[in-house]
Amino acid sequence: MDTELVLIRHGHAVRVNGDYFHAPLTQLGQKQAEQTGQYFSSPENHLDSLYSSPLRRTQETAHIIGAQIGLDPQLQVGVQEVMFLELPALVIMEIFSITDLVEHYLDAHAGGTIRWPIEGRVSAVLLDIVSKHPDQRVAVVAHAGVISAALSWYLPEKRWRWWRTTVSNCSLTRFSVEGNRAELLAVNDIQHLSPVIVTTQPPTATVEIAKEAHPVEKALVFEKPPEKE
């Protein structure tokens, strides 16, 4: 049976003395979370379960959503943003992802267990969550880099695109998942938000570095330059 997996980026947050790890939501971020909760409060959009990264901005977003739909968010370690210790390996692996050998590995492990910086831990968590909620709709409040990692893991043929995409605050990215197969239903869906409160904050510095390190589309990397006449 299919599970609908919804990844929600946290609401607009503000650094405290340069600290983004413990960043709280702004009033704007709270409003974004409220409108997201209102969207899921309708019967046709109901959630069966709600999870959250343990960071402050995701917890606050999830609690505002949960309060409107009668669900207590469950804290889930493993869906935090890219960590500094992961960064060197991630940069190296993303550079080598343009080679055929690595590309074949990523294709073969799409939607399954994978050994890869950030994607490895994110995929392990999502596999566990999906297995617990067959034929249900479940949401995870997480981060821009986590959502890029999930898209790259499920749909590795467009990794270059997913890592260079930054989704908006409180946007919805949806998958229909059965086993290791995932169908992408929506990316960066913000139709539930009033246009005046839509924001797309830059991700953390670690994610920005990973985005810059990821090569452009493989076809462009290996394409021969046109011959001069």
C-alpha atoms as a PDB file:
ATOM      1  CA  MET A   1       0.000   0.000   0.000  1.00  0.00           C
ATOM      2  CA  ASP A   2       1.202   3.510  -0.806  1.00  0.00           C
ATOM      3  CA  THR A   3       2.206   6.019   1.836  1.00  0.00           C
ATOM      4  CA  GLU A   4       2.006   9.712   1.070  1.00  0.00           C
ATOM      5  CA  LEU A   5       5.125  11.294   2.531  1.00  0.00           C
ATOM      6  CA  VAL A   6       5.026  15.081   2.931  1.00  0.00           C
ATOM      7  CA  LEU A   7       8.230  16.973   3.701  1.00  0.00           C
ATOM      8  CA  ILE A   8       7.610  20.442   5.140  1.00  0.00           C
ATOM      9  CA  ARG A   9      10.376  23.004   5.410  1.00  0.00           C
ATOM     10  CA  HIS A  10      10.275  24.935   8.689  1.00  0.00           C
ATOM     11  CA  GLY A  11       8.869  28.460   8.836  1.00  0.00           C
ATOM     12  CA  HIS A  12      10.859  31.678   8.596  1.00  0.00           C
ATOM     13  CA  ALA A  13      13.451  31.766  11.395  1.00  0.00           C
ATOM     14  CA  VAL A  14      15.981  34.240  12.751  1.00  0.00           C
ATOM     15  CA  ARG A  15      19.519  33.672  13.945  1.00  0.00           C
ATOM     16  CA  VAL A  16      20.312  34.606  17.544  1.00  0.00           C
ATOM     17  CA  ASN A  17      23.790  36.126  17.792  1.00  0.00           C
ATOM     18  CA  GLY A  18      24.682  34.315  14.577  1.00  0.00           C
ATOM     19  CA  ASP A  19      23.416  30.971  15.915  1.00  0.00           C
ATOM     20  CA  TYR A  20      21.118  29.178  13.464  1.00  0.00           C
ATOM     21  CA  PHE A  21      21.120  25.863  15.360  1.00  0.00           C
ATOM     22  CA  HIS A  22      18.804  27.272  18.040  1.00  0.00           C
ATOM     23  CA  ALA A  23      17.051  29.778  15.783  1.00  0.00           C
ATOM     24  CA  PRO A  24      13.398  30.445  16.714  1.00  0.00           C
ATOM     25  CA  LEU A  25      10.576  31.236  14.312  1.00  0.00           C
ATOM     26  CA  THR A  26       9.805  34.863  13.583  1.00  0.00           C
ATOM     27  CA  GLN A  27       6.228  36.162  13.665  1.00  0.00           C
ATOM     28  CA  LEU A  28       6.222  35.628   9.906  1.00  0.00           C
ATOM     29  CA  GLY A  29       7.341  32.024  10.370  1.00  0.00           C
ATOM     30  CA  GLN A  30       4.598  31.469  12.932  1.00  0.00           C
ATOM     31  CA  LYS A  31       2.033  32.784  10.461  1.00  0.00           C
ATOM     32  CA  GLN A  32       3.366  30.442   7.773  1.00  0.00           C
ATOM     33  CA  ALA A  33       3.067  27.493  10.165  1.00  0.00           C
ATOM     34  CA  GLU A  34      -0.482  28.538  11.126  1.00  0.00           C
ATOM     35  CA  GLN A  35      -1.589  28.602   7.498  1.00  0.00           C
ATOM     36  CA  THR A  36       0.065  25.221   6.936  1.00  0.00           C
ATOM     37  CA  GLY A  37      -1.851  23.827   9.898  1.00  0.00           C
ATOM     38  CA  GLN A  38      -5.080  25.294   8.513  1.00  0.00           C
ATOM     39  CA  TYR A  39      -4.432  23.527   5.225  1.00  0.00           C
ATOM     40  CA  PHE A  40      -3.984  20.150   6.914  1.00  0.00           C
ATOM     41  CA  SER A  41      -7.033  20.691   9.138  1.00  0.00           C
ATOM     42  CA  SER A  42      -9.405  20.076   6.215  1.00  0.00           C
ATOM     43  CA  PRO A  43     -10.633  16.462   5.895  1.00  0.00           C
ATOM     44  CA  GLU A  44      -9.249  15.981   2.377  1.00  0.00           C
ATOM     45  CA  ASN A  45      -5.755  17.014   3.505  1.00  0.00           C
ATOM     46  CA  HIS A  46      -5.680  15.330   6.912  1.00  0.00           C
ATOM     47  CA  LEU A  47      -2.433  13.948   8.325  1.00  0.00           C
ATOM     48  CA  ASP A  48      -2.259  10.608  10.110  1.00  0.00           C
ATOM     49  CA  SER A  49       1.037  11.396  11.812  1.00  0.00           C
ATOM     50  CA  LEU A  50       3.474  14.290  12.203  1.00  0.00           C
ATOM     51  CA  TYR A  51       7.234  14.185  12.828  1.00  0.00           C
ATOM     52  CA  SER A  52       9.819  16.889  13.399  1.00  0.00           C
ATOM     53  CA  SER A  53      13.556  17.398  13.346  1.00  0.00           C
ATOM     54  CA  PRO A  54      14.818  18.145  16.888  1.00  0.00           C
ATOM     55  CA  LEU A  55      16.035  21.646  16.003  1.00  0.00           C
ATOM     56  CA  ARG A  56      14.121  24.573  17.485  1.00  0.00           C
ATOM     57  CA  ARG A  57      12.763  26.076  14.259  1.00  0.00           C
ATOM     58  CA  THR A  58      11.324  22.740  13.103  1.00  0.00           C
ATOM     59  CA  GLN A  59       9.883  21.910  16.516  1.00  0.00           C
ATOM     60  CA  GLU A  60       8.125  25.269  16.731  1.00  0.00           C
ATOM     61  CA  THR A  61       6.743  24.856  13.198  1.00  0.00           C
ATOM     62  CA  ALA A  62       5.514  21.334  13.931  1.00  0.00           C
ATOM     63  CA  HIS A  63       3.859  22.307  17.232  1.00  0.00           C
ATOM     64  CA  ILE A  64       1.919  25.128  15.568  1.00  0.00           C
ATOM     65  CA  ILE A  65       0.755  22.765  12.809  1.00  0.00           C
ATOM     66  CA  GLY A  66      -0.020  19.995  15.304  1.00  0.00           C
ATOM     67  CA  ALA A  67      -2.071  22.289  17.539  1.00  0.00           C
ATOM     68  CA  GLN A  68      -4.466  22.963  14.665  1.00  0.00           C
ATOM     69  CA  ILE A  69      -4.926  19.344  13.622  1.00  0.00           C
ATOM     70  CA  GLY A  70      -4.874  17.613  17.008  1.00  0.00           C
ATOM     71  CA  LEU A  71      -1.544  15.812  16.572  1.00  0.00           C
ATOM     72  CA  ASP A  72       1.486  15.875  18.852  1.00  0.00           C
ATOM     73  CA  PRO A  73       4.676  15.996  16.731  1.00  0.00           C
ATOM     74  CA  GLN A  74       7.130  13.186  17.328  1.00  0.00           C
ATOM     75  CA  LEU A  75      10.789  14.249  17.517  1.00  0.00           C
ATOM     76  CA  GLN A  76      12.902  12.362  15.002  1.00  0.00           C
ATOM     77  CA  VAL A  77      16.692  12.411  15.190  1.00  0.00           C
ATOM     78  CA  GLY A  78      18.350  12.020  11.784  1.00  0.00           C
ATOM     79  CA  VAL A  79      16.488  14.633   9.777  1.00  0.00           C
ATOM     80  CA  GLN A  80      18.622  17.576  10.893  1.00  0.00           C
ATOM     81  CA  GLU A  81      20.388  19.809   8.399  1.00  0.00           C
ATOM     82  CA  VAL A  82      23.787  18.943   6.870  1.00  0.00           C
ATOM     83  CA  MET A  83      26.362  18.851   9.676  1.00  0.00           C
ATOM     84  CA  PHE A  84      29.896  20.232   9.460  1.00  0.00           C
ATOM     85  CA  LEU A  85      31.427  16.784  10.053  1.00  0.00           C
ATOM     86  CA  GLU A  86      29.544  15.489   6.990  1.00  0.00           C
ATOM     87  CA  LEU A  87      30.572  18.338   4.738  1.00  0.00           C
ATOM     88  CA  PRO A  88      34.039  17.243   3.493  1.00  0.00           C
ATOM     89  CA  ALA A  89      32.819  13.779   2.507  1.00  0.00           C
ATOM     90  CA  LEU A  90      29.638  15.205   0.988  1.00  0.00           C
ATOM     91  CA  VAL A  91      31.538  17.648  -1.220  1.00  0.00           C
ATOM     92  CA  ILE A  92      33.880  14.923  -2.465  1.00  0.00           C
ATOM     93  CA  MET A  93      31.083  12.413  -3.094  1.00  0.00           C
ATOM     94  CA  GLU A  94      28.911  14.945  -4.928  1.00  0.00           C
ATOM     95  CA  ILE A  95      31.812  15.840  -7.224  1.00  0.00           C
ATOM     96  CA  PHE A  96      32.311  12.161  -8.061  1.00  0.00           C
ATOM     97  CA  SER A  97      28.573  11.642  -8.591  1.00  0.00           C
ATOM     98  CA  ILE A  98      29.029  12.631 -12.252  1.00  0.00           C
ATOM     99  CA  THR A  99      31.032   9.456 -12.938  1.00  0.00           C
ATOM    100  CA  ASP A 100      29.288   6.378 -14.321  1.00  0.00           C
ATOM    101  CA  LEU A 101      30.357   4.096 -11.458  1.00  0.00           C
ATOM    102  CA  VAL A 102      28.907   6.338  -8.757  1.00  0.00           C
ATOM    103  CA  GLU A 103      25.850   7.128 -10.868  1.00  0.00           C
ATOM    104  CA  HIS A 104      25.089   3.403 -11.205  1.00  0.00           C
ATOM    105  CA  TYR A 105      25.413   2.999  -7.432  1.00  0.00           C
ATOM    106  CA  LEU A 106      22.985   5.855  -6.775  1.00  0.00           C
ATOM    107  CA  ASP A 107      20.485   4.543  -9.329  1.00  0.00           C
ATOM    108  CA  ALA A 108      20.650   1.038  -7.853  1.00  0.00           C
ATOM    109  CA  HIS A 109      20.002   2.335  -4.318  1.00  0.00           C
ATOM    110  CA  ALA A 110      17.253   4.825  -5.143  1.00  0.00           C
ATOM    111  CA  GLY A 111      14.630   4.593  -2.415  1.00  0.00           C
ATOM    112  CA  GLY A 112      16.632   1.975  -0.497  1.00  0.00           C
ATOM    113  CA  THR A 113      19.441   1.820   2.022  1.00  0.00           C
ATOM    114  CA  ILE A 114      22.384   3.927   0.889  1.00  0.00           C
ATOM    115  CA  ARG A 115      25.841   4.856   2.180  1.00  0.00           C
ATOM    116  CA  TRP A 116      26.144   8.584   1.485  1.00  0.00           C
ATOM    117  CA  PRO A 117      26.661  11.713   3.607  1.00  0.00           C
ATOM    118  CA  ILE A 118      23.318  13.112   4.871  1.00  0.00           C
ATOM    119  CA  GLU A 119      21.330  10.960   2.436  1.00  0.00           C
ATOM    120  CA  GLY A 120      22.313   7.849   4.361  1.00  0.00           C
ATOM    121  CA  ARG A 121      20.878   9.036   7.671  1.00  0.00           C
ATOM    122  CA  VAL A 122      17.887  10.801   6.094  1.00  0.00           C
ATOM    123  CA  SER A 123      16.990   7.735   4.033  1.00  0.00           C
ATOM    124  CA  ALA A 124      17.196   5.446   7.087  1.00  0.00           C
ATOM    125  CA  VAL A 125      14.726   7.657   8.957  1.00  0.00           C
ATOM    126  CA  LEU A 126      12.308   7.994   6.035  1.00  0.00           C
ATOM    127  CA  LEU A 127      12.362   4.253   5.347  1.00  0.00           C
ATOM    128  CA  ASP A 128      11.453   3.621   8.987  1.00  0.00           C
ATOM    129  CA  ILE A 129       8.672   6.233   9.012  1.00  0.00           C
ATOM    130  CA  VAL A 130       7.125   5.002   5.755  1.00  0.00           C
ATOM    131  CA  SER A 131       7.182   1.392   6.992  1.00  0.00           C
ATOM    132  CA  LYS A 132       5.175   2.436  10.069  1.00  0.00           C
ATOM    133  CA  HIS A 133       2.454   4.209   8.081  1.00  0.00           C
ATOM    134  CA  PRO A 134       1.202   2.064   5.182  1.00  0.00           C
ATOM    135  CA  ASP A 135      -1.698   3.620   3.273  1.00  0.00           C
ATOM    136  CA  GLN A 136      -1.472   6.811   5.352  1.00  0.00           C
ATOM    137  CA  ARG A 137      -0.385  10.423   4.898  1.00  0.00           C
ATOM    138  CA  VAL A 138       2.536  11.375   7.133  1.00  0.00           C
ATOM    139  CA  ALA A 139       4.452  14.643   7.338  1.00  0.00           C
ATOM    140  CA  VAL A 140       7.993  15.434   8.472  1.00  0.00           C
ATOM    141  CA  VAL A 141       8.968  19.011   9.325  1.00  0.00           C
ATOM    142  CA  ALA A 142      12.599  19.331   8.315  1.00  0.00           C
ATOM    143  CA  HIS A 143      15.111  21.537   6.488  1.00  0.00           C
ATOM    144  CA  ALA A 144      16.031  22.640   2.959  1.00  0.00           C
ATOM    145  CA  GLY A 145      19.098  20.403   2.790  1.00  0.00           C
ATOM    146  CA  VAL A 146      17.156  17.418   4.108  1.00  0.00           C
ATOM    147  CA  ILE A 147      14.518  17.895   1.415  1.00  0.00           C
ATOM    148  CA  SER A 148      17.216  18.165  -1.280  1.00  0.00           C
ATOM    149  CA  ALA A 149      18.767  14.979   0.093  1.00  0.00           C
ATOM    150  CA  ALA A 150      15.439  13.125   0.006  1.00  0.00           C
ATOM    151  CA  LEU A 151      14.753  14.224  -3.570  1.00  0.00           C
ATOM    152  CA  SER A 152      18.267  13.191  -4.627  1.00  0.00           C
ATOM    153  CA  TRP A 153      17.882   9.805  -2.933  1.00  0.00           C
ATOM    154  CA  TYR A 154      14.478   8.951  -4.376  1.00  0.00           C
ATOM    155  CA  LEU A 155      15.177  10.483  -7.818  1.00  0.00           C
ATOM    156  CA  PRO A 156      18.962  10.370  -8.364  1.00  0.00           C
ATOM    157  CA  GLU A 157      18.818  11.012 -12.115  1.00  0.00           C
ATOM    158  CA  LYS A 158      18.210  14.704 -11.334  1.00  0.00           C
ATOM    159  CA  ARG A 159      20.538  15.128  -8.380  1.00  0.00           C
ATOM    160  CA  TRP A 160      22.115  18.196  -9.928  1.00  0.00           C
ATOM    161  CA  ARG A 161      18.694  19.855  -9.975  1.00  0.00           C
ATOM    162  CA  TRP A 162      17.589  18.877  -6.468  1.00  0.00           C
ATOM    163  CA  TRP A 163      20.777  20.042  -4.755  1.00  0.00           C
ATOM    164  CA  ARG A 164      20.586  23.389  -6.504  1.00  0.00           C
ATOM    165  CA  THR A 165      16.947  23.894  -5.518  1.00  0.00           C
ATOM    166  CA  THR A 166      16.080  25.706  -2.275  1.00  0.00           C
ATOM    167  CA  VAL A 167      12.458  25.198  -1.263  1.00  0.00           C
ATOM    168  CA  SER A 168      10.440  27.959   0.421  1.00  0.00           C
ATOM    169  CA  ASN A 169       9.599  28.184   4.101  1.00  0.00           C
ATOM    170  CA  CYS A 170       6.635  25.935   4.997  1.00  0.00           C
ATOM    171  CA  SER A 171       6.528  24.596   1.436  1.00  0.00           C
ATOM    172  CA  LEU A 172       5.304  21.042   0.830  1.00  0.00           C
ATOM    173  CA  THR A 173       7.249  18.396  -1.086  1.00  0.00           C
ATOM    174  CA  ARG A 174       5.172  15.247  -1.586  1.00  0.00           C
ATOM    175  CA  PHE A 175       5.921  11.653  -2.530  1.00  0.00           C
ATOM    176  CA  SER A 176       3.757   8.594  -3.029  1.00  0.00           C
ATOM    177  CA  VAL A 177       5.894   5.746  -1.686  1.00  0.00           C
ATOM    178  CA  GLU A 178       5.521   1.985  -1.926  1.00  0.00           C
ATOM    179  CA  GLY A 179       8.569  -0.015  -0.852  1.00  0.00           C
ATOM    180  CA  ASN A 180      11.605   1.451  -2.626  1.00  0.00           C
ATOM    181  CA  ARG A 181       9.512   3.080  -5.331  1.00  0.00           C
ATOM    182  CA  ALA A 182       8.597   6.744  -5.009  1.00  0.00           C
ATOM    183  CA  GLU A 183       6.505   8.946  -7.269  1.00  0.00           C
ATOM    184  CA  LEU A 184       7.051  12.669  -6.929  1.00  0.00           C
ATOM    185  CA  LEU A 185       3.719  14.454  -6.486  1.00  0.00           C
ATOM    186  CA  ALA A 186       4.887  18.016  -5.804  1.00  0.00           C
ATOM    187  CA  VAL A 187       8.010  20.062  -5.088  1.00  0.00           C
ATOM    188  CA  ASN A 188       7.964  23.365  -3.224  1.00  0.00           C
ATOM    189  CA  ASP A 189       4.175  23.579  -3.155  1.00  0.00           C
ATOM    190  CA  ILE A 190       3.218  26.918  -1.548  1.00  0.00           C
ATOM    191  CA  GLN A 191      -0.397  27.222  -2.721  1.00  0.00           C
ATOM    192  CA  HIS A 192      -1.626  26.956   0.879  1.00  0.00           C
ATOM    193  CA  LEU A 193       0.272  30.134   1.844  1.00  0.00           C
ATOM    194  CA  SER A 194      -0.862  33.702   1.229  1.00  0.00           C
ATOM    195  CA  PRO A 195       1.460  35.228  -1.402  1.00  0.00           C
ATOM    196  CA  VAL A 196       2.415  38.078   0.943  1.00  0.00           C
ATOM    197  CA  ILE A 197       3.975  35.707   3.487  1.00  0.00           C
ATOM    198  CA  VAL A 198       5.948  33.459   1.103  1.00  0.00           C
ATOM    199  CA  THR A 199       9.697  33.497   1.836  1.00  0.00           C
ATOM    200  CA  THR A 200      12.649  31.445   0.663  1.00  0.00           C
ATOM    201  CA  GLN A 201      15.432  31.798   3.190  1.00  0.00           C
ATOM    202  CA  PRO A 202      18.937  30.689   2.205  1.00  0.00           C
ATOM    203  CA  PRO A 203      19.825  27.383   3.880  1.00  0.00           C
ATOM    204  CA  THR A 204      22.685  26.979   6.340  1.00  0.00           C
ATOM    205  CA  ALA A 205      26.264  27.597   5.231  1.00  0.00           C
ATOM    206  CA  THR A 206      26.955  23.848   5.045  1.00  0.00           C
ATOM    207  CA  VAL A 207      24.140  23.340   2.548  1.00  0.00           C
ATOM    208  CA  GLU A 208      25.244  26.330   0.479  1.00  0.00           C
ATOM    209  CA  ILE A 209      28.731  24.829   0.215  1.00  0.00           C
ATOM    210  CA  ALA A 210      27.251  21.478  -0.821  1.00  0.00           C
ATOM    211  CA  LYS A 211      25.111  23.186  -3.470  1.00  0.00           C
ATOM    212  CA  GLU A 212      28.095  24.978  -4.958  1.00  0.00           C
ATOM    213  CA  ALA A 213      30.162  21.780  -4.938  1.00  0.00           C
ATOM    214  CA  HIS A 214      27.552  19.735  -6.759  1.00  0.00           C
ATOM    215  CA  PRO A 215      28.329  19.639 -10.478  1.00  0.00           C
ATOM    216  CA  VAL A 216      25.930  20.874 -13.094  1.00  0.00           C
ATOM    217  CA  GLU A 217      23.957  18.418 -15.193  1.00  0.00           C
ATOM    218  CA  LYS A 218      26.168  15.555 -16.329  1.00  0.00           C
ATOM    219  CA  ALA A 219      25.292  16.123 -19.961  1.00  0.00           C
ATOM    220  CA  LEU A 220      26.693  19.618 -19.714  1.00  0.00           C
ATOM    221  CA  VAL A 221      29.853  18.467 -17.948  1.00  0.00           C
ATOM    222  CA  PHE A 222      30.797  16.002 -20.675  1.00  0.00           C
ATOM    223  CA  GLU A 223      29.350  17.740 -23.681  1.00  0.00           C
ATOM    224  CA  LYS A 224      31.990  18.479 -26.326  1.00  0.00           C
ATOM    225  CA  PRO A 225      32.335  22.136 -27.313  1.00  0.00           C
ATOM    226  CA  PRO A 226      31.069  22.934 -30.804  1.00  0.00           C
ATOM    227  CA  GLU A 227      33.696  22.799 -33.501  1.00  0.00           C
ATOM    228  CA  LYS A 228      34.781  26.074 -34.985  1.00  0.00           C
ATOM    229  CA  GLU A 229      33.965  26.634 -38.618  1.00  0.00           C
END
